[in-house]
Structures are given as C-alpha cells and as structure tokens.
PDB file of N, CA and C in Angstrom:
ATOM      1  N   UNK A   1       9.751  -0.781  12.423  1.00  0.00           N
ATOM      2  CA  UNK A   1       8.194  -0.297  10.689  1.00  0.00           C
ATOM      3  C   UNK A   1       9.192  -0.741   9.990  1.00  0.00           C
ATOM      4  N   UNK A   2       8.417  -1.863   9.137  1.00  0.00           N
ATOM      5  CA  UNK A   2       8.525  -2.271   7.807  1.00  0.00           C
ATOM      6  C   UNK A   2       8.630  -1.207   6.771  1.00  0.00           C
ATOM      7  N   UNK A   3       9.344  -0.273   6.479  1.00  0.00           N
ATOM      8  CA  UNK A   3       9.051   0.419   5.568  1.00  0.00           C
ATOM      9  C   UNK A   3       9.813  -0.393   3.445  1.00  0.00           C
ATOM     10  N   UNK A   4       9.579   0.311   2.642  1.00  0.00           N
ATOM     11  CA  UNK A   4       9.614   0.353   1.270  1.00  0.00           C
ATOM     12  C   UNK A   4       9.854   1.621   0.507  1.00  0.00           C
ATOM     13  N   UNK A   5      11.031   1.756  -0.185  1.00  0.00           N
ATOM     14  CA  UNK A   5      10.953   3.076  -0.940  1.00  0.00           C
ATOM     15  C   UNK A   5      10.147   3.073  -2.180  1.00  0.00           C
ATOM     16  N   UNK A   6       9.812   4.421  -2.651  1.00  0.00           N
ATOM     17  CA  UNK A   6       9.403   4.246  -4.537  1.00  0.00           C
ATOM     18  C   UNK A   6      10.396   2.963  -5.260  1.00  0.00           C
ATOM     19  N   UNK A   7      11.249   3.395  -5.051  1.00  0.00           N
ATOM     20  CA  UNK A   7      12.476   2.928  -6.438  1.00  0.00           C
ATOM     21  C   UNK A   7      12.467   1.518  -5.853  1.00  0.00           C
ATOM     22  N   UNK A   8      12.334   0.761  -4.764  1.00  0.00           N
ATOM     23  CA  UNK A   8      11.914  -0.468  -4.278  1.00  0.00           C
ATOM     24  C   UNK A   8      10.674  -1.298  -4.678  1.00  0.00           C
ATOM     25  N   UNK A   9      10.140  -0.216  -4.661  1.00  0.00           N
ATOM     26  CA  UNK A   9       8.363  -1.094  -4.791  1.00  0.00           C
ATOM     27  C   UNK A   9       8.489  -0.887  -6.413  1.00  0.00           C
ATOM     28  N   UNK A  10       8.909   0.026  -7.267  1.00  0.00           N
ATOM     29  CA  UNK A  10       8.834   0.209  -8.326  1.00  0.00           C
ATOM     30  C   UNK A  10      10.203  -1.281  -9.349  1.00  0.00           C
ATOM     31  N   UNK A  11      10.952  -1.430  -8.577  1.00  0.00           N
ATOM     32  CA  UNK A  11      11.499  -2.895  -8.910  1.00  0.00           C
ATOM     33  C   UNK A  11      10.870  -4.169  -8.656  1.00  0.00           C
ATOM     34  N   UNK A  12      10.640  -4.077  -7.669  1.00  0.00           N
ATOM     35  CA  UNK A  12       8.832  -5.489  -6.960  1.00  0.00           C
ATOM     36  C   UNK A  12       8.233  -5.316  -8.729  1.00  0.00           C
ATOM     37  N   UNK A  13       7.280  -4.531  -8.877  1.00  0.00           N
ATOM     38  CA  UNK A  13       6.130  -4.435  -9.657  1.00  0.00           C
ATOM     39  C   UNK A  13       7.419  -4.511 -11.347  1.00  0.00           C
ATOM     40  N   UNK A  14       8.337  -4.126 -11.547  1.00  0.00           N
ATOM     41  CA  UNK A  14       8.952  -4.163 -13.022  1.00  0.00           C
ATOM     42  C   UNK A  14       9.022  -5.768 -12.870  1.00  0.00           C
ATOM     43  N   UNK A  15       9.715  -6.490 -11.957  1.00  0.00           N
ATOM     44  CA  UNK A  15       9.984  -8.285 -11.714  1.00  0.00           C
ATOM     45  C   UNK A  15       8.883  -8.886 -11.638  1.00  0.00           C
ATOM     46  N   UNK A  16       7.673  -8.257 -11.543  1.00  0.00           N
ATOM     47  CA  UNK A  16       6.470  -8.926 -11.627  1.00  0.00           C
ATOM     48  C   UNK A  16       6.512  -9.942 -10.604  1.00  0.00           C
ATOM     49  N   UNK A  17       7.076  -9.199  -8.777  1.00  0.00           N
ATOM     50  CA  UNK A  17       7.302  -9.519  -7.786  1.00  0.00           C
ATOM     51  C   UNK A  17       5.802 -10.608  -7.730  1.00  0.00           C
ATOM     52  N   UNK A  18       4.996 -11.245  -6.490  1.00  0.00           N
ATOM     53  CA  UNK A  18       4.019 -11.296  -6.421  1.00  0.00           C
ATOM     54  C   UNK A  18       3.606 -10.891  -4.838  1.00  0.00           C
ATOM     55  N   UNK A  19       3.381  -9.447  -4.809  1.00  0.00           N
ATOM     56  CA  UNK A  19       3.088  -8.439  -4.248  1.00  0.00           C
ATOM     57  C   UNK A  19       1.316  -8.025  -4.802  1.00  0.00           C
ATOM     58  N   UNK A  20       0.847  -7.217  -3.620  1.00  0.00           N
ATOM     59  CA  UNK A  20      -0.417  -6.676  -3.346  1.00  0.00           C
ATOM     60  C   UNK A  20       0.322  -5.006  -3.137  1.00  0.00           C
ATOM     61  N   UNK A  21      -0.148  -4.653  -3.999  1.00  0.00           N
ATOM     62  CA  UNK A  21      -0.090  -2.764  -3.550  1.00  0.00           C
ATOM     63  C   UNK A  21      -1.470  -2.301  -3.095  1.00  0.00           C
ATOM     64  N   UNK A  22      -1.458  -1.993  -1.950  1.00  0.00           N
ATOM     65  CA  UNK A  22      -2.901  -1.676  -1.053  1.00  0.00           C
ATOM     66  C   UNK A  22      -2.584  -0.076  -0.562  1.00  0.00           C
ATOM     67  N   UNK A  23      -3.471   0.324  -1.685  1.00  0.00           N
ATOM     68  CA  UNK A  23      -4.013   2.090  -1.211  1.00  0.00           C
ATOM     69  C   UNK A  23      -5.047   1.821  -0.403  1.00  0.00           C
ATOM     70  N   UNK A  24      -4.672   2.354   0.537  1.00  0.00           N
ATOM     71  CA  UNK A  24      -5.743   2.918   1.483  1.00  0.00           C
ATOM     72  C   UNK A  24      -5.966   4.320   1.817  1.00  0.00           C
ATOM     73  N   UNK A  25      -5.989   4.597   0.730  1.00  0.00           N
ATOM     74  CA  UNK A  25      -6.643   6.211   0.521  1.00  0.00           C
ATOM     75  C   UNK A  25      -8.707   6.371   0.505  1.00  0.00           C
ATOM     76  N   UNK A  26      -8.992   7.275   0.148  1.00  0.00           N
ATOM     77  CA  UNK A  26     -10.586   7.291   0.197  1.00  0.00           C
ATOM     78  C   UNK A  26     -10.861   6.815  -1.544  1.00  0.00           C
ATOM     79  N   UNK A  27     -11.930   6.305  -1.576  1.00  0.00           N
ATOM     80  CA  UNK A  27     -12.235   5.434  -3.206  1.00  0.00           C
ATOM     81  C   UNK A  27     -12.248   6.991  -3.943  1.00  0.00           C
ATOM     82  N   UNK A  28     -12.886   7.908  -3.477  1.00  0.00           N
ATOM     83  CA  UNK A  28     -12.735   9.323  -4.490  1.00  0.00           C
ATOM     84  C   UNK A  28     -10.964   9.479  -4.811  1.00  0.00           C
ATOM     85  N   UNK A  29     -10.140   9.842  -4.014  1.00  0.00           N
ATOM     86  CA  UNK A  29      -8.844   9.461  -3.901  1.00  0.00           C
ATOM     87  C   UNK A  29      -8.698   9.157  -4.852  1.00  0.00           C
ATOM     88  N   UNK A  30      -8.361   7.497  -4.528  1.00  0.00           N
ATOM     89  CA  UNK A  30      -8.142   6.496  -5.529  1.00  0.00           C
ATOM     90  C   UNK A  30      -8.420   6.492  -7.170  1.00  0.00           C
ATOM     91  N   UNK A  31     -10.008   6.674  -6.977  1.00  0.00           N
ATOM     92  CA  UNK A  31     -10.481   6.968  -8.384  1.00  0.00           C
ATOM     93  C   UNK A  31      -9.839   7.898  -9.439  1.00  0.00           C
ATOM     94  N   UNK A  32      -8.900   8.923  -8.902  1.00  0.00           N
ATOM     95  CA  UNK A  32      -9.017  10.008  -9.436  1.00  0.00           C
ATOM     96  C   UNK A  32      -7.151  10.253 -10.119  1.00  0.00           C
ATOM     97  N   UNK A  33      -6.482   9.514  -9.329  1.00  0.00           N
ATOM     98  CA  UNK A  33      -5.678   8.508  -9.865  1.00  0.00           C
ATOM     99  C   UNK A  33      -4.849   7.755  -8.254  1.00  0.00           C
ATOM    100  N   UNK A  34      -3.725   6.510  -8.925  1.00  0.00           N
ATOM    101  CA  UNK A  34      -3.515   5.727  -8.501  1.00  0.00           C
ATOM    102  C   UNK A  34      -1.931   4.766  -8.908  1.00  0.00           C
ATOM    103  N   UNK A  35      -1.549   3.900  -8.072  1.00  0.00           N
ATOM    104  CA  UNK A  35      -0.598   3.293  -8.386  1.00  0.00           C
ATOM    105  C   UNK A  35      -1.118   1.959  -9.156  1.00  0.00           C
ATOM    106  N   UNK A  36      -1.015   2.172 -10.556  1.00  0.00           N
ATOM    107  CA  UNK A  36      -1.015   1.013 -11.288  1.00  0.00           C
ATOM    108  C   UNK A  36      -1.321  -0.550 -10.301  1.00  0.00           C
ATOM    109  N   UNK A  37      -2.502  -1.191 -10.796  1.00  0.00           N
ATOM    110  CA  UNK A  37      -2.649  -2.418 -10.468  1.00  0.00           C
ATOM    111  C   UNK A  37      -2.642  -2.313  -8.569  1.00  0.00           C
ATOM    112  N   UNK A  38      -3.069  -1.217  -8.192  1.00  0.00           N
ATOM    113  CA  UNK A  38      -2.814  -1.516  -6.876  1.00  0.00           C
ATOM    114  C   UNK A  38      -4.778  -1.568  -6.457  1.00  0.00           C
ATOM    115  N   UNK A  39      -4.492  -2.302  -5.818  1.00  0.00           N
ATOM    116  CA  UNK A  39      -6.092  -2.560  -4.912  1.00  0.00           C
ATOM    117  C   UNK A  39      -6.078  -1.454  -3.955  1.00  0.00           C
ATOM    118  N   UNK A  40      -7.572  -1.065  -3.601  1.00  0.00           N
ATOM    119  CA  UNK A  40      -8.093  -0.190  -2.477  1.00  0.00           C
ATOM    120  C   UNK A  40      -9.210  -0.930  -1.864  1.00  0.00           C
ATOM    121  N   UNK A  41      -8.368  -0.264  -0.545  1.00  0.00           N
ATOM    122  CA  UNK A  41      -9.225  -0.709   0.501  1.00  0.00           C
ATOM    123  C   UNK A  41      -8.881   0.321   1.830  1.00  0.00           C
ATOM    124  N   UNK A  42     -10.459   1.409   1.708  1.00  0.00           N
ATOM    125  CA  UNK A  42      -9.866   2.383   2.630  1.00  0.00           C
ATOM    126  C   UNK A  42      -9.810   1.963   4.204  1.00  0.00           C
ATOM    127  N   UNK A  43      -8.894   3.049   4.226  1.00  0.00           N
ATOM    128  CA  UNK A  43      -8.682   3.091   5.758  1.00  0.00           C
ATOM    129  C   UNK A  43      -9.710   2.456   6.529  1.00  0.00           C
ATOM    130  N   UNK A  44     -10.868   3.330   6.954  1.00  0.00           N
ATOM    131  CA  UNK A  44     -12.100   3.119   7.419  1.00  0.00           C
ATOM    132  C   UNK A  44     -12.766   2.350   7.876  1.00  0.00           C
ATOM    133  N   UNK A  45     -12.255   1.566   6.066  1.00  0.00           N
ATOM    134  CA  UNK A  45     -12.753  -0.219   5.700  1.00  0.00           C
ATOM    135  C   UNK A  45     -11.941  -1.299   6.563  1.00  0.00           C
ATOM    136  N   UNK A  46     -10.762  -1.005   6.665  1.00  0.00           N
ATOM    137  CA  UNK A  46      -9.441  -1.776   6.905  1.00  0.00           C
ATOM    138  C   UNK A  46      -9.984  -3.296   7.535  1.00  0.00           C
ATOM    139  N   UNK A  47     -10.769  -2.989   8.801  1.00  0.00           N
ATOM    140  CA  UNK A  47     -10.741  -3.986   9.921  1.00  0.00           C
ATOM    141  C   UNK A  47     -11.741  -4.629   9.301  1.00  0.00           C
ATOM    142  N   UNK A  48     -12.467  -4.626   8.885  1.00  0.00           N
ATOM    143  CA  UNK A  48     -13.936  -5.088   8.104  1.00  0.00           C
ATOM    144  C   UNK A  48     -12.966  -6.174   6.629  1.00  0.00           C
ATOM    145  N   UNK A  49     -12.472  -5.873   6.319  1.00  0.00           N
ATOM    146  CA  UNK A  49     -11.768  -5.957   4.632  1.00  0.00           C
ATOM    147  C   UNK A  49     -10.227  -7.325   4.546  1.00  0.00           C
ATOM    148  N   UNK A  50      -9.715  -6.610   5.247  1.00  0.00           N
ATOM    149  CA  UNK A  50      -8.211  -7.285   5.914  1.00  0.00           C
ATOM    150  C   UNK A  50      -8.370  -8.659   5.336  1.00  0.00           C
ATOM    151  N   UNK A  51      -9.022  -9.491   5.930  1.00  0.00           N
ATOM    152  CA  UNK A  51      -9.874 -10.959   6.002  1.00  0.00           C
ATOM    153  C   UNK A  51      -9.999 -11.297   4.284  1.00  0.00           C
ATOM    154  N   UNK A  52      -9.896 -10.164   3.374  1.00  0.00           N
ATOM    155  CA  UNK A  52     -10.098 -10.844   1.734  1.00  0.00           C
ATOM    156  C   UNK A  52      -8.671 -10.860   0.974  1.00  0.00           C
ATOM    157  N   UNK A  53      -7.511 -10.287   2.395  1.00  0.00           N
ATOM    158  CA  UNK A  53      -6.197 -10.027   1.598  1.00  0.00           C
ATOM    159  C   UNK A  53      -5.629 -11.186   1.700  1.00  0.00           C
ATOM    160  N   UNK A  54      -4.458 -11.824   0.525  1.00  0.00           N
ATOM    161  CA  UNK A  54      -3.865 -12.593   0.556  1.00  0.00           C
ATOM    162  C   UNK A  54      -2.887 -13.105   1.801  1.00  0.00           C
ATOM    163  N   UNK A  55      -3.116 -13.584   2.811  1.00  0.00           N
ATOM    164  CA  UNK A  55      -2.193 -13.981   3.872  1.00  0.00           C
ATOM    165  C   UNK A  55      -0.377 -14.150   3.202  1.00  0.00           C
ATOM    166  N   UNK A  56      -0.175 -15.007   2.122  1.00  0.00           N
ATOM    167  CA  UNK A  56       0.671 -15.590   1.402  1.00  0.00           C
ATOM    168  C   UNK A  56       1.055 -14.536   0.250  1.00  0.00           C
ATOM    169  N   UNK A  57       0.920 -13.064   0.767  1.00  0.00           N
ATOM    170  CA  UNK A  57       1.359 -12.128  -0.281  1.00  0.00           C
ATOM    171  C   UNK A  57       1.958 -11.023   0.787  1.00  0.00           C
ATOM    172  N   UNK A  58       3.267 -10.815  -0.628  1.00  0.00           N
ATOM    173  CA  UNK A  58       3.837  -9.415   0.432  1.00  0.00           C
ATOM    174  C   UNK A  58       2.480  -8.395   0.588  1.00  0.00           C
ATOM    175  N   UNK A  59       2.420  -7.548   1.205  1.00  0.00           N
ATOM    176  CA  UNK A  59       1.450  -6.578   0.759  1.00  0.00           C
ATOM    177  C   UNK A  59       2.641  -5.211   1.126  1.00  0.00           C
ATOM    178  N   UNK A  60       1.873  -3.783   0.219  1.00  0.00           N
ATOM    179  CA  UNK A  60       2.917  -2.596   0.288  1.00  0.00           C
ATOM    180  C   UNK A  60       1.973  -1.885   0.473  1.00  0.00           C
ATOM    181  N   UNK A  61       1.786  -1.360   1.868  1.00  0.00           N
ATOM    182  CA  UNK A  61       0.516   0.018   1.745  1.00  0.00           C
ATOM    183  C   UNK A  61       0.876   1.283   1.210  1.00  0.00           C
ATOM    184  N   UNK A  62      -0.040   2.292   0.787  1.00  0.00           N
ATOM    185  CA  UNK A  62       0.234   3.444   0.793  1.00  0.00           C
ATOM    186  C   UNK A  62      -1.337   4.400   0.952  1.00  0.00           C
ATOM    187  N   UNK A  63      -0.730   5.872   1.456  1.00  0.00           N
ATOM    188  CA  UNK A  63      -1.633   6.405   1.246  1.00  0.00           C
ATOM    189  C   UNK A  63      -1.282   7.855   0.904  1.00  0.00           C
ATOM    190  N   UNK A  64      -1.598   9.046   0.935  1.00  0.00           N
ATOM    191  CA  UNK A  64      -1.005  10.088   0.515  1.00  0.00           C
ATOM    192  C   UNK A  64      -0.010  10.353   0.799  1.00  0.00           C
ATOM    193  N   UNK A  65       0.978  10.779   1.952  1.00  0.00           N
ATOM    194  CA  UNK A  65       2.035  10.994   2.727  1.00  0.00           C
ATOM    195  C   UNK A  65       2.710  10.161   3.241  1.00  0.00           C
ATOM    196  N   UNK A  66       1.959   8.993   3.334  1.00  0.00           N
ATOM    197  CA  UNK A  66       2.760   7.482   4.229  1.00  0.00           C
ATOM    198  C   UNK A  66       2.203   7.812   5.759  1.00  0.00           C
ATOM    199  N   UNK A  67       1.952   8.648   5.998  1.00  0.00           N
ATOM    200  CA  UNK A  67       1.373   8.675   7.119  1.00  0.00           C
ATOM    201  C   UNK A  67       0.279   7.790   8.264  1.00  0.00           C
ATOM    202  N   UNK A  68      -1.158   7.780   7.071  1.00  0.00           N
ATOM    203  CA  UNK A  68      -2.378   7.215   7.254  1.00  0.00           C
ATOM    204  C   UNK A  68      -1.855   5.329   6.912  1.00  0.00           C
ATOM    205  N   UNK A  69      -0.964   5.182   5.975  1.00  0.00           N
ATOM    206  CA  UNK A  69      -0.735   4.152   6.082  1.00  0.00           C
ATOM    207  C   UNK A  69       0.671   3.688   7.051  1.00  0.00           C
ATOM    208  N   UNK A  70       1.071   4.354   7.993  1.00  0.00           N
ATOM    209  CA  UNK A  70       1.437   3.463   8.993  1.00  0.00           C
ATOM    210  C   UNK A  70       0.688   2.499  10.129  1.00  0.00           C
ATOM    211  N   UNK A  71      -0.408   3.620  10.501  1.00  0.00           N
ATOM    212  CA  UNK A  71      -1.249   2.654  11.116  1.00  0.00           C
ATOM    213  C   UNK A  71      -2.248   1.529  10.367  1.00  0.00           C
ATOM    214  N   UNK A  72      -2.731   1.564   9.467  1.00  0.00           N
ATOM    215  CA  UNK A  72      -2.558   0.479   8.011  1.00  0.00           C
ATOM    216  C   UNK A  72      -1.068  -1.031   8.472  1.00  0.00           C
ATOM    217  N   UNK A  73      -0.679  -0.120   8.312  1.00  0.00           N
ATOM    218  CA  UNK A  73       1.067  -1.320   8.003  1.00  0.00           C
ATOM    219  C   UNK A  73       0.972  -2.128   9.251  1.00  0.00           C
ATOM    220  N   UNK A  74       0.606  -1.305  10.855  1.00  0.00           N
ATOM    221  CA  UNK A  74       0.718  -2.229  11.972  1.00  0.00           C
ATOM    222  C   UNK A  74      -0.243  -2.627  11.929  1.00  0.00           C
ATOM    223  N   UNK A  75      -1.666  -2.100  11.696  1.00  0.00           N
ATOM    224  CA  UNK A  75      -2.416  -3.221  11.994  1.00  0.00           C
ATOM    225  C   UNK A  75      -2.905  -4.482  10.836  1.00  0.00           C
ATOM    226  N   UNK A  76      -1.502  -4.480   9.776  1.00  0.00           N
ATOM    227  CA  UNK A  76      -1.761  -6.108   8.705  1.00  0.00           C
ATOM    228  C   UNK A  76      -0.640  -6.505   9.722  1.00  0.00           C
ATOM    229  N   UNK A  77       0.635  -6.160  10.051  1.00  0.00           N
ATOM    230  CA  UNK A  77       1.169  -6.785  10.690  1.00  0.00           C
ATOM    231  C   UNK A  77       0.753  -7.455  12.017  1.00  0.00           C
ATOM    232  N   UNK A  78      -0.189  -7.121  12.697  1.00  0.00           N
ATOM    233  CA  UNK A  78      -0.751  -7.319  14.253  1.00  0.00           C
ATOM    234  C   UNK A  78      -1.410  -8.830  13.534  1.00  0.00           C
ATOM    235  N   UNK A  79      -2.155  -8.567  12.532  1.00  0.00           N
ATOM    236  CA  UNK A  79      -3.095  -9.934  12.060  1.00  0.00           C
ATOM    237  C   UNK A  79      -2.273 -10.636  11.375  1.00  0.00           C
ATOM    238  N   UNK A  80      -0.174 -10.929  11.427  1.00  0.00           N
ATOM    239  CA  UNK A  80      -0.007 -11.961  10.650  1.00  0.00           C
ATOM    240  C   UNK A  80       0.398 -11.326   8.942  1.00  0.00           C
ATOM    241  N   UNK A  81       0.005 -10.591   8.624  1.00  0.00           N
ATOM    242  CA  UNK A  81       0.287  -9.792   7.259  1.00  0.00           C
ATOM    243  C   UNK A  81       2.113 -10.079   6.835  1.00  0.00           C
ATOM    244  N   UNK A  82       2.798 -10.397   6.122  1.00  0.00           N
ATOM    245  CA  UNK A  82       3.954  -9.584   6.101  1.00  0.00           C
ATOM    246  C   UNK A  82       3.679  -7.882   5.289  1.00  0.00           C
ATOM    247  N   UNK A  83       3.631  -7.588   5.446  1.00  0.00           N
ATOM    248  CA  UNK A  83       3.747  -5.861   4.911  1.00  0.00           C
ATOM    249  C   UNK A  83       4.708  -4.867   5.206  1.00  0.00           C
ATOM    250  N   UNK A  84       4.708  -3.660   4.554  1.00  0.00           N
ATOM    251  CA  UNK A  84       5.898  -2.559   4.473  1.00  0.00           C
ATOM    252  C   UNK A  84       4.482  -1.550   4.042  1.00  0.00           C
ATOM    253  N   UNK A  85       5.060  -0.711   3.908  1.00  0.00           N
ATOM    254  CA  UNK A  85       4.921   0.699   4.194  1.00  0.00           C
ATOM    255  C   UNK A  85       5.430   1.681   3.316  1.00  0.00           C
ATOM    256  N   UNK A  86       5.055   2.528   1.994  1.00  0.00           N
ATOM    257  CA  UNK A  86       5.469   3.473   1.168  1.00  0.00           C
ATOM    258  C   UNK A  86       5.888   4.364   2.059  1.00  0.00           C
ATOM    259  N   UNK A  87       7.272   4.554   1.940  1.00  0.00           N
ATOM    260  CA  UNK A  87       8.061   6.180   2.376  1.00  0.00           C
ATOM    261  C   UNK A  87       7.943   6.644   1.574  1.00  0.00           C
ATOM    262  N   UNK A  88       6.616   7.502   2.521  1.00  0.00           N
ATOM    263  CA  UNK A  88       6.596   8.894   1.906  1.00  0.00           C
ATOM    264  C   UNK A  88       5.009   8.748   1.123  1.00  0.00           C
ATOM    265  N   UNK A  89       4.395   7.959   0.201  1.00  0.00           N
ATOM    266  CA  UNK A  89       3.091   7.786   0.043  1.00  0.00           C
ATOM    267  C   UNK A  89       3.390   7.708  -1.680  1.00  0.00           C
ATOM    268  N   UNK A  90       1.746   8.668  -2.024  1.00  0.00           N
ATOM    269  CA  UNK A  90       1.307   8.797  -3.494  1.00  0.00           C
ATOM    270  C   UNK A  90       2.087   9.544  -4.136  1.00  0.00           C
ATOM    271  N   UNK A  91       2.449  11.030  -2.409  1.00  0.00           N
ATOM    272  CA  UNK A  91       2.898  11.953  -3.445  1.00  0.00           C
ATOM    273  C   UNK A  91       4.254  12.158  -3.868  1.00  0.00           C
ATOM    274  N   UNK A  92       5.122  11.454  -3.119  1.00  0.00           N
ATOM    275  CA  UNK A  92       6.657  10.716  -3.231  1.00  0.00           C
ATOM    276  C   UNK A  92       6.733   9.672  -4.551  1.00  0.00           C
ATOM    277  N   UNK A  93       5.929   8.724  -4.730  1.00  0.00           N
ATOM    278  CA  UNK A  93       5.582   8.016  -5.725  1.00  0.00           C
ATOM    279  C   UNK A  93       5.523   8.574  -6.861  1.00  0.00           C
ATOM    280  N   UNK A  94       4.177  10.277  -6.938  1.00  0.00           N
ATOM    281  CA  UNK A  94       4.055  11.020  -7.688  1.00  0.00           C
ATOM    282  C   UNK A  94       5.123  11.443  -8.291  1.00  0.00           C
ATOM    283  N   UNK A  95       6.110  12.156  -7.646  1.00  0.00           N
ATOM    284  CA  UNK A  95       7.329  13.186  -7.773  1.00  0.00           C
ATOM    285  C   UNK A  95       8.013  12.226  -9.006  1.00  0.00           C
ATOM    286  N   UNK A  96       9.124  10.992  -8.445  1.00  0.00           N
ATOM    287  CA  UNK A  96       9.996  10.754  -8.955  1.00  0.00           C
ATOM    288  C   UNK A  96       8.903   9.639 -10.048  1.00  0.00           C
ATOM    289  N   UNK A  97       8.322   9.184  -9.734  1.00  0.00           N
ATOM    290  CA  UNK A  97       7.858   8.488 -11.569  1.00  0.00           C
ATOM    291  C   UNK A  97       7.082   9.369 -12.670  1.00  0.00           C
ATOM    292  N   UNK A  98       6.758  10.714 -12.287  1.00  0.00           N
ATOM    293  CA  UNK A  98       5.985  12.182 -13.554  1.00  0.00           C
ATOM    294  C   UNK A  98       7.672  12.085 -14.349  1.00  0.00           C
TER     295      UNK A  98
END
C-alpha cells in the first residue's frame, strides 16, 4: 500500500507540488471541513468520476480515518494512477494541524 503521513502531505502542499488531494468522504462531511485545496469525490461516486482525475498528477486520497480511502487508493492504483493513502485520514490531519 502506498501511504503518506500528514507531515509529508503538508510538505508537498507547502512546496506547491503538483498534487491532487482527494477527499472521498460524503459531500456533507466535505462541506463541514476539509483539507484546503482538496477536491471531493465521495467513495460512492469514485468509479463514475475517476476518469475526471488527472492521471499525470500524484493523488493523495483521504477519508475520516484512513480506512475507506484504502479502498479508493487500491481502486485508483488499479486504474493506473499514481496515488497514495493519507495515513490516519482527516482525523489525524485535524489533530496535527490544529
């Protein structure tokens, strides 16, 4: 499994690396709070909307805890994307960045 931790993700964001941060939580959860700059494709829509993602960019996927995003990461890896799962998900991100 390709994993990335919050510190590594923050370094990529700060250095303005050409990445896509993908939130696979529900639209309601995304609208409540999300990682700045993240796009939202709920897991339930990922199979339909995956082709809208840029295959040439690294994608970092997250959910609340990092469990649902594992499935999204595996799905996108299978489709040929360069993708990593955010370890601990949004819960760990919030703890570290608050």
